[in-house]
C-alpha atoms as a PDB file:
ATOM      1  CA  UNK A   1      -0.179  -0.285   0.090  1.00  0.00           C
ATOM      2  CA  UNK A   2       1.283   3.205  -0.840  1.00  0.00           C
ATOM      3  CA  UNK A   3       2.081   6.246   1.355  1.00  0.00           C
ATOM      4  CA  UNK A   4      -0.728   8.742   1.495  1.00  0.00           C
ATOM      5  CA  UNK A   5      -0.679  12.129  -0.454  1.00  0.00           C
ATOM      6  CA  UNK A   6      -0.383  13.892   3.112  1.00  0.00           C
ATOM      7  CA  UNK A   7       2.448  11.929   4.338  1.00  0.00           C
ATOM      8  CA  UNK A   8       4.117  12.181   1.143  1.00  0.00           C
ATOM      9  CA  UNK A   9       3.736  15.775   1.286  1.00  0.00           C
ATOM     10  CA  UNK A  10       5.039  16.120   4.710  1.00  0.00           C
ATOM     11  CA  UNK A  11       8.037  14.079   3.821  1.00  0.00           C
ATOM     12  CA  UNK A  12       9.087  16.569   0.913  1.00  0.00           C
ATOM     13  CA  UNK A  13       8.400  19.540   2.757  1.00  0.00           C
ATOM     14  CA  UNK A  14      10.596  18.197   5.603  1.00  0.00           C
ATOM     15  CA  UNK A  15      13.271  17.345   3.113  1.00  0.00           C
ATOM     16  CA  UNK A  16      13.012  20.614   1.266  1.00  0.00           C
ATOM     17  CA  UNK A  17      13.301  22.427   4.793  1.00  0.00           C
ATOM     18  CA  UNK A  18      16.314  20.482   5.771  1.00  0.00           C
ATOM     19  CA  UNK A  19      18.220  21.189   2.544  1.00  0.00           C
ATOM     20  CA  UNK A  20      17.385  25.121   2.720  1.00  0.00           C
ATOM     21  CA  UNK A  21      18.645  25.612   5.815  1.00  0.00           C
ATOM     22  CA  UNK A  22      21.808  27.752   6.157  1.00  0.00           C
ATOM     23  CA  UNK A  23      24.778  28.538   8.187  1.00  0.00           C
ATOM     24  CA  UNK A  24      26.610  31.781   7.560  1.00  0.00           C
ATOM     25  CA  UNK A  25      29.972  31.610   6.940  1.00  0.00           C
ATOM     26  CA  UNK A  26      32.052  34.837   7.099  1.00  0.00           C
ATOM     27  CA  UNK A  27      35.837  34.526   5.784  1.00  0.00           C
ATOM     28  CA  UNK A  28      37.725  37.309   7.372  1.00  0.00           C
ATOM     29  CA  UNK A  29      41.078  39.026   5.860  1.00  0.00           C
ATOM     30  CA  UNK A  30      43.025  40.776   8.371  1.00  0.00           C
ATOM     31  CA  UNK A  31      46.363  40.215   6.831  1.00  0.00           C
ATOM     32  CA  UNK A  32      48.171  43.257   5.547  1.00  0.00           C
ATOM     33  CA  UNK A  33      47.878  41.587   2.114  1.00  0.00           C
ATOM     34  CA  UNK A  34      45.261  40.233  -0.483  1.00  0.00           C
ATOM     35  CA  UNK A  35      44.858  36.580   0.171  1.00  0.00           C
ATOM     36  CA  UNK A  36      42.953  33.838  -2.164  1.00  0.00           C
ATOM     37  CA  UNK A  37      40.809  31.641   0.110  1.00  0.00           C
ATOM     38  CA  UNK A  38      40.325  27.846  -1.030  1.00  0.00           C
ATOM     39  CA  UNK A  39      37.003  25.787  -0.167  1.00  0.00           C
ATOM     40  CA  UNK A  40      37.013  21.875  -0.319  1.00  0.00           C
ATOM     41  CA  UNK A  41      33.520  20.173  -0.046  1.00  0.00           C
ATOM     42  CA  UNK A  42      34.361  16.676   1.650  1.00  0.00           C
ATOM     43  CA  UNK A  43      30.438  15.831   1.454  1.00  0.00           C
ATOM     44  CA  UNK A  44      27.711  15.497  -1.215  1.00  0.00           C
ATOM     45  CA  UNK A  45      26.774  19.073  -0.418  1.00  0.00           C
ATOM     46  CA  UNK A  46      28.916  21.635  -2.517  1.00  0.00           C
ATOM     47  CA  UNK A  47      29.081  25.315  -2.267  1.00  0.00           C
ATOM     48  CA  UNK A  48      28.479  27.973  -5.293  1.00  0.00           C
ATOM     49  CA  UNK A  49      32.231  28.793  -5.062  1.00  0.00           C
ATOM     50  CA  UNK A  50      35.450  27.112  -4.340  1.00  0.00           C
ATOM     51  CA  UNK A  51      37.942  29.469  -4.561  1.00  0.00           C
ATOM     52  CA  UNK A  52      37.944  33.596  -4.658  1.00  0.00           C
ATOM     53  CA  UNK A  53      40.040  36.689  -4.142  1.00  0.00           C
ATOM     54  CA  UNK A  54      39.926  38.552  -0.547  1.00  0.00           C
ATOM     55  CA  UNK A  55      41.700  42.091  -0.492  1.00  0.00           C
ATOM     56  CA  UNK A  56      43.372  43.192   3.113  1.00  0.00           C
ATOM     57  CA  UNK A  57      40.627  44.061   5.417  1.00  0.00           C
ATOM     58  CA  UNK A  58      37.872  42.648   3.615  1.00  0.00           C
ATOM     59  CA  UNK A  59      35.412  39.880   4.566  1.00  0.00           C
ATOM     60  CA  UNK A  60      32.923  37.330   2.688  1.00  0.00           C
ATOM     61  CA  UNK A  61      29.868  35.860   3.684  1.00  0.00           C
ATOM     62  CA  UNK A  62      28.713  32.383   2.281  1.00  0.00           C
ATOM     63  CA  UNK A  63      25.229  31.026   3.049  1.00  0.00           C
ATOM     64  CA  UNK A  64      26.281  27.499   3.941  1.00  0.00           C
ATOM     65  CA  UNK A  65      24.090  24.533   3.780  1.00  0.00           C
ATOM     66  CA  UNK A  66      24.000  23.313   7.733  1.00  0.00           C
ATOM     67  CA  UNK A  67      24.893  19.676   6.516  1.00  0.00           C
ATOM     68  CA  UNK A  68      27.888  20.827   4.703  1.00  0.00           C
ATOM     69  CA  UNK A  69      31.459  19.422   5.493  1.00  0.00           C
ATOM     70  CA  UNK A  70      34.827  20.683   4.242  1.00  0.00           C
ATOM     71  CA  UNK A  71      37.787  22.731   4.614  1.00  0.00           C
ATOM     72  CA  UNK A  72      38.943  26.412   3.986  1.00  0.00           C
ATOM     73  CA  UNK A  73      42.258  27.859   3.832  1.00  0.00           C
ATOM     74  CA  UNK A  74      43.781  30.910   2.122  1.00  0.00           C
ATOM     75  CA  UNK A  75      46.875  30.904  -0.939  1.00  0.00           C
ATOM     76  CA  UNK A  76      49.296  33.531  -0.822  1.00  0.00           C
ATOM     77  CA  UNK A  77      51.720  35.260  -2.968  1.00  0.00           C
ATOM     78  CA  UNK A  78      49.281  34.532  -6.245  1.00  0.00           C
ATOM     79  CA  UNK A  79      49.722  35.940  -9.770  1.00  0.00           C
ATOM     80  CA  UNK A  80      47.553  35.691 -12.798  1.00  0.00           C
ATOM     81  CA  UNK A  81      49.715  35.496 -15.595  1.00  0.00           C
ATOM     82  CA  UNK A  82      49.528  36.953 -19.291  1.00  0.00           C
ATOM     83  CA  UNK A  83      48.584  33.245 -20.570  1.00  0.00           C
ATOM     84  CA  UNK A  84      45.556  32.885 -18.491  1.00  0.00           C
ATOM     85  CA  UNK A  85      47.262  30.897 -15.749  1.00  0.00           C
ATOM     86  CA  UNK A  86      46.857  31.643 -12.273  1.00  0.00           C
ATOM     87  CA  UNK A  87      48.796  30.034  -9.607  1.00  0.00           C
ATOM     88  CA  UNK A  88      50.082  30.507  -5.824  1.00  0.00           C
ATOM     89  CA  UNK A  89      53.173  30.171  -4.038  1.00  0.00           C
ATOM     90  CA  UNK A  90      52.003  28.780  -1.049  1.00  0.00           C
ATOM     91  CA  UNK A  91      48.575  26.432  -0.389  1.00  0.00           C
ATOM     92  CA  UNK A  92      47.881  26.162  -4.360  1.00  0.00           C
ATOM     93  CA  UNK A  93      45.299  24.001  -5.648  1.00  0.00           C
ATOM     94  CA  UNK A  94      46.796  23.335  -8.771  1.00  0.00           C
ATOM     95  CA  UNK A  95      44.032  24.184 -10.850  1.00  0.00           C
ATOM     96  CA  UNK A  96      45.564  26.949 -12.784  1.00  0.00           C
ATOM     97  CA  UNK A  97      42.509  29.343 -11.950  1.00  0.00           C
ATOM     98  CA  UNK A  98      41.079  31.045  -8.836  1.00  0.00           C
ATOM     99  CA  UNK A  99      38.442  28.305  -8.130  1.00  0.00           C
ATOM    100  CA  UNK A 100      39.625  24.971  -6.989  1.00  0.00           C
ATOM    101  CA  UNK A 101      37.193  22.952  -8.578  1.00  0.00           C
ATOM    102  CA  UNK A 102      37.032  20.155  -5.892  1.00  0.00           C
ATOM    103  CA  UNK A 103      41.336  20.437  -5.083  1.00  0.00           C
ATOM    104  CA  UNK A 104      42.760  20.750  -1.631  1.00  0.00           C
ATOM    105  CA  UNK A 105      45.854  22.648  -0.837  1.00  0.00           C
ATOM    106  CA  UNK A 106      49.158  21.761  -1.774  1.00  0.00           C
ATOM    107  CA  UNK A 107      51.283  21.592   1.558  1.00  0.00           C
ATOM    108  CA  UNK A 108      52.208  23.745   3.628  1.00  0.00           C
ATOM    109  CA  UNK A 109      48.784  25.093   4.398  1.00  0.00           C
ATOM    110  CA  UNK A 110      46.602  25.774   7.676  1.00  0.00           C
ATOM    111  CA  UNK A 111      43.102  24.823   7.093  1.00  0.00           C
ATOM    112  CA  UNK A 112      40.056  24.966   9.296  1.00  0.00           C
ATOM    113  CA  UNK A 113      37.568  21.736   9.008  1.00  0.00           C
ATOM    114  CA  UNK A 114      33.882  21.526   9.376  1.00  0.00           C
ATOM    115  CA  UNK A 115      31.107  19.166   9.994  1.00  0.00           C
ATOM    116  CA  UNK A 116      27.914  21.051  10.336  1.00  0.00           C
ATOM    117  CA  UNK A 117      25.070  19.090  11.784  1.00  0.00           C
ATOM    118  CA  UNK A 118      26.572  15.719  12.441  1.00  0.00           C
ATOM    119  CA  UNK A 119      24.537  12.975  11.397  1.00  0.00           C
ATOM    120  CA  UNK A 120      21.508  15.483  12.025  1.00  0.00           C
ATOM    121  CA  UNK A 121      22.338  15.887  15.558  1.00  0.00           C
ATOM    122  CA  UNK A 122      22.086  19.563  15.638  1.00  0.00           C
ATOM    123  CA  UNK A 123      25.914  19.869  16.625  1.00  0.00           C
ATOM    124  CA  UNK A 124      28.536  21.691  14.389  1.00  0.00           C
ATOM    125  CA  UNK A 125      32.348  19.900  14.739  1.00  0.00           C
ATOM    126  CA  UNK A 126      35.034  22.314  13.633  1.00  0.00           C
ATOM    127  CA  UNK A 127      38.946  22.409  14.252  1.00  0.00           C
ATOM    128  CA  UNK A 128      41.945  24.153  12.798  1.00  0.00           C
ATOM    129  CA  UNK A 129      44.534  21.968  11.673  1.00  0.00           C
ATOM    130  CA  UNK A 130      48.511  22.248  10.975  1.00  0.00           C
ATOM    131  CA  UNK A 131      48.814  18.716   9.868  1.00  0.00           C
ATOM    132  CA  UNK A 132      49.733  19.868   6.355  1.00  0.00           C
ATOM    133  CA  UNK A 133      52.007  22.542   7.335  1.00  0.00           C
ATOM    134  CA  UNK A 134      51.404  26.327   8.081  1.00  0.00           C
ATOM    135  CA  UNK A 135      51.025  29.375   5.933  1.00  0.00           C
ATOM    136  CA  UNK A 136      49.211  31.757   7.921  1.00  0.00           C
ATOM    137  CA  UNK A 137      47.468  32.128  11.391  1.00  0.00           C
ATOM    138  CA  UNK A 138      43.831  31.413  11.540  1.00  0.00           C
ATOM    139  CA  UNK A 139      41.383  31.058  13.648  1.00  0.00           C
ATOM    140  CA  UNK A 140      37.519  29.670  13.763  1.00  0.00           C
ATOM    141  CA  UNK A 141      34.775  31.763  15.836  1.00  0.00           C
ATOM    142  CA  UNK A 142      31.673  30.590  16.408  1.00  0.00           C
ATOM    143  CA  UNK A 143      29.373  33.779  16.595  1.00  0.00           C
ATOM    144  CA  UNK A 144      25.468  34.669  16.846  1.00  0.00           C
ATOM    145  CA  UNK A 145      22.567  32.694  19.033  1.00  0.00           C
ATOM    146  CA  UNK A 146      23.999  29.539  20.342  1.00  0.00           C
ATOM    147  CA  UNK A 147      27.595  30.595  20.247  1.00  0.00           C
ATOM    148  CA  UNK A 148      28.212  31.695  23.925  1.00  0.00           C
ATOM    149  CA  UNK A 149      29.005  28.568  25.190  1.00  0.00           C
ATOM    150  CA  UNK A 150      31.130  27.638  22.076  1.00  0.00           C
ATOM    151  CA  UNK A 151      35.082  27.806  21.946  1.00  0.00           C
ATOM    152  CA  UNK A 152      37.561  29.657  19.394  1.00  0.00           C
ATOM    153  CA  UNK A 153      39.742  27.078  17.879  1.00  0.00           C
ATOM    154  CA  UNK A 154      43.117  27.836  16.110  1.00  0.00           C
ATOM    155  CA  UNK A 155      46.615  29.468  15.585  1.00  0.00           C
ATOM    156  CA  UNK A 156      46.945  33.200  16.102  1.00  0.00           C
ATOM    157  CA  UNK A 157      50.585  33.048  16.219  1.00  0.00           C
ATOM    158  CA  UNK A 158      52.530  33.813  13.252  1.00  0.00           C
ATOM    159  CA  UNK A 159      54.908  30.273  12.915  1.00  0.00           C
ATOM    160  CA  UNK A 160      56.653  31.590   9.850  1.00  0.00           C
ATOM    161  CA  UNK A 161      59.253  33.902  11.572  1.00  0.00           C
ATOM    162  CA  UNK A 162      60.603  31.429  14.175  1.00  0.00           C
ATOM    163  CA  UNK A 163      60.178  28.098  12.102  1.00  0.00           C
ATOM    164  CA  UNK A 164      62.950  25.725  12.331  1.00  0.00           C
ATOM    165  CA  UNK A 165      65.438  26.160   9.586  1.00  0.00           C
ATOM    166  CA  UNK A 166      65.034  22.712   8.216  1.00  0.00           C
ATOM    167  CA  UNK A 167      61.176  23.415   7.823  1.00  0.00           C
ATOM    168  CA  UNK A 168      61.120  26.977   6.274  1.00  0.00           C
ATOM    169  CA  UNK A 169      59.884  27.588   3.004  1.00  0.00           C
ATOM    170  CA  UNK A 170      61.257  30.967   1.207  1.00  0.00           C
ATOM    171  CA  UNK A 171      60.282  32.693  -2.025  1.00  0.00           C
ATOM    172  CA  UNK A 172      62.853  34.488  -4.144  1.00  0.00           C
ATOM    173  CA  UNK A 173      62.585  38.264  -3.544  1.00  0.00           C
ATOM    174  CA  UNK A 174      60.325  37.827  -0.571  1.00  0.00           C
ATOM    175  CA  UNK A 175      61.377  38.771   2.873  1.00  0.00           C
ATOM    176  CA  UNK A 176      61.844  35.736   5.425  1.00  0.00           C
ATOM    177  CA  UNK A 177      59.852  32.952   5.316  1.00  0.00           C
ATOM    178  CA  UNK A 178      56.443  32.597   3.801  1.00  0.00           C
ATOM    179  CA  UNK A 179      55.230  29.164   5.058  1.00  0.00           C
ATOM    180  CA  UNK A 180      56.477  26.600   7.504  1.00  0.00           C
ATOM    181  CA  UNK A 181      56.260  22.652   6.579  1.00  0.00           C
ATOM    182  CA  UNK A 182      55.843  19.700   8.546  1.00  0.00           C
ATOM    183  CA  UNK A 183      58.359  17.314   9.329  1.00  0.00           C
ATOM    184  CA  UNK A 184      56.577  14.739   7.272  1.00  0.00           C
ATOM    185  CA  UNK A 185      56.412  17.110   4.245  1.00  0.00           C
ATOM    186  CA  UNK A 186      60.246  17.951   4.746  1.00  0.00           C
ATOM    187  CA  UNK A 187      61.629  14.770   5.241  1.00  0.00           C
ATOM    188  CA  UNK A 188      59.176  12.353   3.617  1.00  0.00           C
ATOM    189  CA  UNK A 189      59.660  10.036   6.725  1.00  0.00           C
ATOM    190  CA  UNK A 190      57.276   7.491   8.014  1.00  0.00           C
ATOM    191  CA  UNK A 191      58.192   8.268  11.303  1.00  0.00           C
ATOM    192  CA  UNK A 192      57.363  11.782  11.016  1.00  0.00           C
ATOM    193  CA  UNK A 193      54.274  11.125   8.617  1.00  0.00           C
ATOM    194  CA  UNK A 194      52.627   8.258  11.217  1.00  0.00           C
ATOM    195  CA  UNK A 195      52.461   5.609   8.227  1.00  0.00           C
ATOM    196  CA  UNK A 196      53.841   2.431   7.970  1.00  0.00           C
ATOM    197  CA  UNK A 197      55.175   0.735  11.022  1.00  0.00           C
ATOM    198  CA  UNK A 198      54.825   3.920  12.856  1.00  0.00           C
ATOM    199  CA  UNK A 199      50.762   4.256  12.036  1.00  0.00           C
ATOM    200  CA  UNK A 200      49.673   3.938  15.448  1.00  0.00           C
ATOM    201  CA  UNK A 201      49.716   6.348  18.610  1.00  0.00           C
ATOM    202  CA  UNK A 202      51.962   3.963  20.361  1.00  0.00           C
ATOM    203  CA  UNK A 203      54.498   4.406  17.881  1.00  0.00           C
ATOM    204  CA  UNK A 204      54.056   7.935  16.796  1.00  0.00           C
ATOM    205  CA  UNK A 205      54.486  10.501  19.077  1.00  0.00           C
ATOM    206  CA  UNK A 206      55.498  14.138  18.877  1.00  0.00           C
ATOM    207  CA  UNK A 207      58.565  15.442  18.122  1.00  0.00           C
ATOM    208  CA  UNK A 208      60.873  18.517  18.605  1.00  0.00           C
ATOM    209  CA  UNK A 209      59.270  19.768  15.858  1.00  0.00           C
ATOM    210  CA  UNK A 210      55.553  19.203  16.824  1.00  0.00           C
ATOM    211  CA  UNK A 211      56.151  20.192  19.941  1.00  0.00           C
ATOM    212  CA  UNK A 212      57.619  23.749  18.259  1.00  0.00           C
ATOM    213  CA  UNK A 213      53.824  24.103  16.572  1.00  0.00           C
ATOM    214  CA  UNK A 214      52.270  23.048  19.918  1.00  0.00           C
ATOM    215  CA  UNK A 215      53.970  25.445  22.223  1.00  0.00           C
ATOM    216  CA  UNK A 216      52.603  28.289  20.176  1.00  0.00           C
ATOM    217  CA  UNK A 217      49.273  26.796  18.937  1.00  0.00           C
ATOM    218  CA  UNK A 218      47.810  24.751  21.638  1.00  0.00           C
ATOM    219  CA  UNK A 219      44.188  24.887  20.107  1.00  0.00           C
ATOM    220  CA  UNK A 220      44.960  23.503  16.971  1.00  0.00           C
ATOM    221  CA  UNK A 221      46.161  19.909  15.881  1.00  0.00           C
ATOM    222  CA  UNK A 222      49.863  19.775  14.967  1.00  0.00           C
ATOM    223  CA  UNK A 223      50.153  15.830  13.694  1.00  0.00           C
ATOM    224  CA  UNK A 224      48.186  12.619  12.969  1.00  0.00           C
ATOM    225  CA  UNK A 225      47.762  11.485  16.577  1.00  0.00           C
ATOM    226  CA  UNK A 226      47.817  14.624  18.569  1.00  0.00           C
ATOM    227  CA  UNK A 227      45.367  14.073  20.724  1.00  0.00           C
ATOM    228  CA  UNK A 228      46.547  16.106  23.939  1.00  0.00           C
ATOM    229  CA  UNK A 229      43.908  17.377  25.980  1.00  0.00           C
ATOM    230  CA  UNK A 230      42.911  21.369  26.023  1.00  0.00           C
ATOM    231  CA  UNK A 231      40.587  23.106  28.374  1.00  0.00           C
ATOM    232  CA  UNK A 232      39.098  19.758  29.202  1.00  0.00           C
ATOM    233  CA  UNK A 233      38.586  18.761  25.527  1.00  0.00           C
ATOM    234  CA  UNK A 234      39.247  15.204  24.721  1.00  0.00           C
ATOM    235  CA  UNK A 235      40.453  16.059  21.317  1.00  0.00           C
ATOM    236  CA  UNK A 236      41.193  19.326  19.277  1.00  0.00           C
ATOM    237  CA  UNK A 237      37.791  19.015  17.302  1.00  0.00           C
ATOM    238  CA  UNK A 238      35.306  21.556  19.206  1.00  0.00           C
ATOM    239  CA  UNK A 239      31.699  21.216  18.681  1.00  0.00           C
ATOM    240  CA  UNK A 240      28.889  23.792  18.936  1.00  0.00           C
ATOM    241  CA  UNK A 241      25.203  23.947  18.094  1.00  0.00           C
ATOM    242  CA  UNK A 242      23.294  26.922  16.363  1.00  0.00           C
ATOM    243  CA  UNK A 243      25.951  28.912  15.887  1.00  0.00           C
ATOM    244  CA  UNK A 244      27.277  30.885  12.538  1.00  0.00           C
ATOM    245  CA  UNK A 245      30.945  30.861  11.995  1.00  0.00           C
ATOM    246  CA  UNK A 246      33.827  33.388  11.430  1.00  0.00           C
ATOM    247  CA  UNK A 247      36.967  31.960   9.751  1.00  0.00           C
ATOM    248  CA  UNK A 248      39.458  34.868  10.635  1.00  0.00           C
ATOM    249  CA  UNK A 249      43.046  34.773   8.891  1.00  0.00           C
ATOM    250  CA  UNK A 250      45.619  36.824  10.522  1.00  0.00           C
ATOM    251  CA  UNK A 251      43.794  37.542  13.873  1.00  0.00           C
ATOM    252  CA  UNK A 252      45.649  39.999  16.628  1.00  0.00           C
ATOM    253  CA  UNK A 253      44.898  37.011  19.057  1.00  0.00           C
ATOM    254  CA  UNK A 254      43.071  34.207  20.334  1.00  0.00           C
ATOM    255  CA  UNK A 255      41.215  34.555  23.851  1.00  0.00           C
ATOM    256  CA  UNK A 256      43.121  32.505  26.377  1.00  0.00           C
ATOM    257  CA  UNK A 257      45.928  31.552  24.298  1.00  0.00           C
ATOM    258  CA  UNK A 258      49.436  31.717  25.796  1.00  0.00           C
ATOM    259  CA  UNK A 259      52.311  32.221  23.152  1.00  0.00           C
ATOM    260  CA  UNK A 260      55.328  30.269  24.273  1.00  0.00           C
ATOM    261  CA  UNK A 261      58.650  31.683  24.183  1.00  0.00           C
ATOM    262  CA  UNK A 262      61.139  30.762  21.159  1.00  0.00           C
ATOM    263  CA  UNK A 263      63.269  27.767  22.139  1.00  0.00           C
ATOM    264  CA  UNK A 264      66.877  28.345  22.996  1.00  0.00           C
ATOM    265  CA  UNK A 265      68.062  26.600  19.900  1.00  0.00           C
ATOM    266  CA  UNK A 266      66.522  25.165  16.840  1.00  0.00           C
ATOM    267  CA  UNK A 267      65.711  21.374  16.464  1.00  0.00           C
ATOM    268  CA  UNK A 268      68.222  19.706  13.962  1.00  0.00           C
ATOM    269  CA  UNK A 269      68.168  16.827  11.696  1.00  0.00           C
ATOM    270  CA  UNK A 270      69.863  14.831  14.462  1.00  0.00           C
ATOM    271  CA  UNK A 271      67.466  15.548  17.220  1.00  0.00           C
ATOM    272  CA  UNK A 272      64.447  13.879  14.962  1.00  0.00           C
ATOM    273  CA  UNK A 273      63.631  11.409  18.279  1.00  0.00           C
ATOM    274  CA  UNK A 274      59.954  11.258  19.165  1.00  0.00           C
ATOM    275  CA  UNK A 275      59.459  13.458  22.173  1.00  0.00           C
ATOM    276  CA  UNK A 276      57.942  11.421  25.489  1.00  0.00           C
ATOM    277  CA  UNK A 277      56.412  14.393  26.708  1.00  0.00           C
ATOM    278  CA  UNK A 278      53.275  13.511  28.831  1.00  0.00           C
ATOM    279  CA  UNK A 279      50.850  15.789  26.485  1.00  0.00           C
ATOM    280  CA  UNK A 280      51.015  13.652  24.263  1.00  0.00           C
ATOM    281  CA  UNK A 281      48.629  11.265  26.242  1.00  0.00           C
ATOM    282  CA  UNK A 282      47.169   8.501  24.089  1.00  0.00           C
ATOM    283  CA  UNK A 283      43.511   8.690  23.551  1.00  0.00           C
ATOM    284  CA  UNK A 284      42.441   6.829  20.683  1.00  0.00           C
ATOM    285  CA  UNK A 285      42.929   3.034  19.438  1.00  0.00           C
ATOM    286  CA  UNK A 286      45.192   2.350  16.366  1.00  0.00           C
ATOM    287  CA  UNK A 287      44.720   3.671  12.833  1.00  0.00           C
ATOM    288  CA  UNK A 288      46.340   3.057   9.801  1.00  0.00           C
ATOM    289  CA  UNK A 289      46.333   6.636   8.201  1.00  0.00           C
ATOM    290  CA  UNK A 290      47.525  10.286   9.087  1.00  0.00           C
ATOM    291  CA  UNK A 291      45.340  12.041   6.375  1.00  0.00           C
ATOM    292  CA  UNK A 292      43.388  15.118   7.658  1.00  0.00           C
ATOM    293  CA  UNK A 293      40.132  14.110   6.813  1.00  0.00           C
ATOM    294  CA  UNK A 294      40.342  10.894   8.832  1.00  0.00           C
ATOM    295  CA  UNK A 295      41.606  12.471  11.924  1.00  0.00           C
ATOM    296  CA  UNK A 296      38.377  14.910  11.703  1.00  0.00           C
ATOM    297  CA  UNK A 297      36.303  11.633  11.505  1.00  0.00           C
ATOM    298  CA  UNK A 298      37.889  10.219  14.265  1.00  0.00           C
ATOM    299  CA  UNK A 299      37.495  13.002  16.280  1.00  0.00           C
ATOM    300  CA  UNK A 300      34.002  13.583  15.772  1.00  0.00           C
ATOM    301  CA  UNK A 301      33.113   9.908  16.827  1.00  0.00           C
ATOM    302  CA  UNK A 302      35.209  10.398  19.921  1.00  0.00           C
ATOM    303  CA  UNK A 303      33.199  13.534  20.786  1.00  0.00           C
ATOM    304  CA  UNK A 304      29.964  11.510  20.297  1.00  0.00           C
ATOM    305  CA  UNK A 305      30.981   8.565  22.033  1.00  0.00           C
ATOM    306  CA  UNK A 306      32.176  11.071  25.070  1.00  0.00           C
ATOM    307  CA  UNK A 307      28.773  12.823  24.963  1.00  0.00           C
ATOM    308  CA  UNK A 308      26.625   9.277  24.787  1.00  0.00           C
ATOM    309  CA  UNK A 309      28.715   8.151  27.773  1.00  0.00           C
ATOM    310  CA  UNK A 310      27.828  11.019  30.195  1.00  0.00           C
ATOM    311  CA  UNK A 311      24.384  10.686  29.266  1.00  0.00           C
ATOM    312  CA  UNK A 312      24.235   7.130  30.734  1.00  0.00           C
ATOM    313  CA  UNK A 313      26.164   8.188  33.885  1.00  0.00           C
ATOM    314  CA  UNK A 314      23.429  11.116  34.159  1.00  0.00           C
END
């Protein structure tokens, strides 16, 4: 027996409403120079733009479906050549144009990850990742109704200036370092990439290099198994409900974030030994990949499990 016309109408209306509900995602450029934000949708919901130009001091508001999952980052030092080809020195997406068209950022790049309305729960998950390196300071700031108890996430420090020399990315004609690689990108070593025999939390802990990132950016992911608790969080993926968001590049400061002093000496290749810092507590079971998307999914699952356990104990 088929569904009644009334039931079909209700189901259709519910689907339509769920698809049209949206979140305001504001992209803000507080840097001194023009940037070219890139956007990668990692779920079935795509956005109207995958890349654009944003001048210093400008912002752009995007209406994002509340079921969207994806990444946001910024490209720097970009050029539009007479041939029509477009390219950027940091975080380029390799399409030869301003739109990234489904491509991600070429490391090193600072990026924000979002999973909105996770499994229809009304809860959003977000984080800022340095797993593929650093090119610009960035924070994610929940705003609007429902954001009072939500936490800003990200890295407001400029890591390029004191980047260990082995990780520095410089450009001819530019002053100083323009990006800071991860040891995985710099050395292409399974120990630093958390792959192969080092693909578990027990075998892949932090190093003197990831400590450099962590000391300056305690609210961001720094490597594959970086699950150090911060502010009573079990991971660096934060959750929020019924909020809009701002992704701010080159923010002045992040609330309650303490900047560490520069280490007395720069780490060298001979010091490539994983640290035994108590801060690198193992919080999850073994996984076999260090890809940023997998890290994000694991963090979301951990958050949901923790919430469910608290409800059962309550």
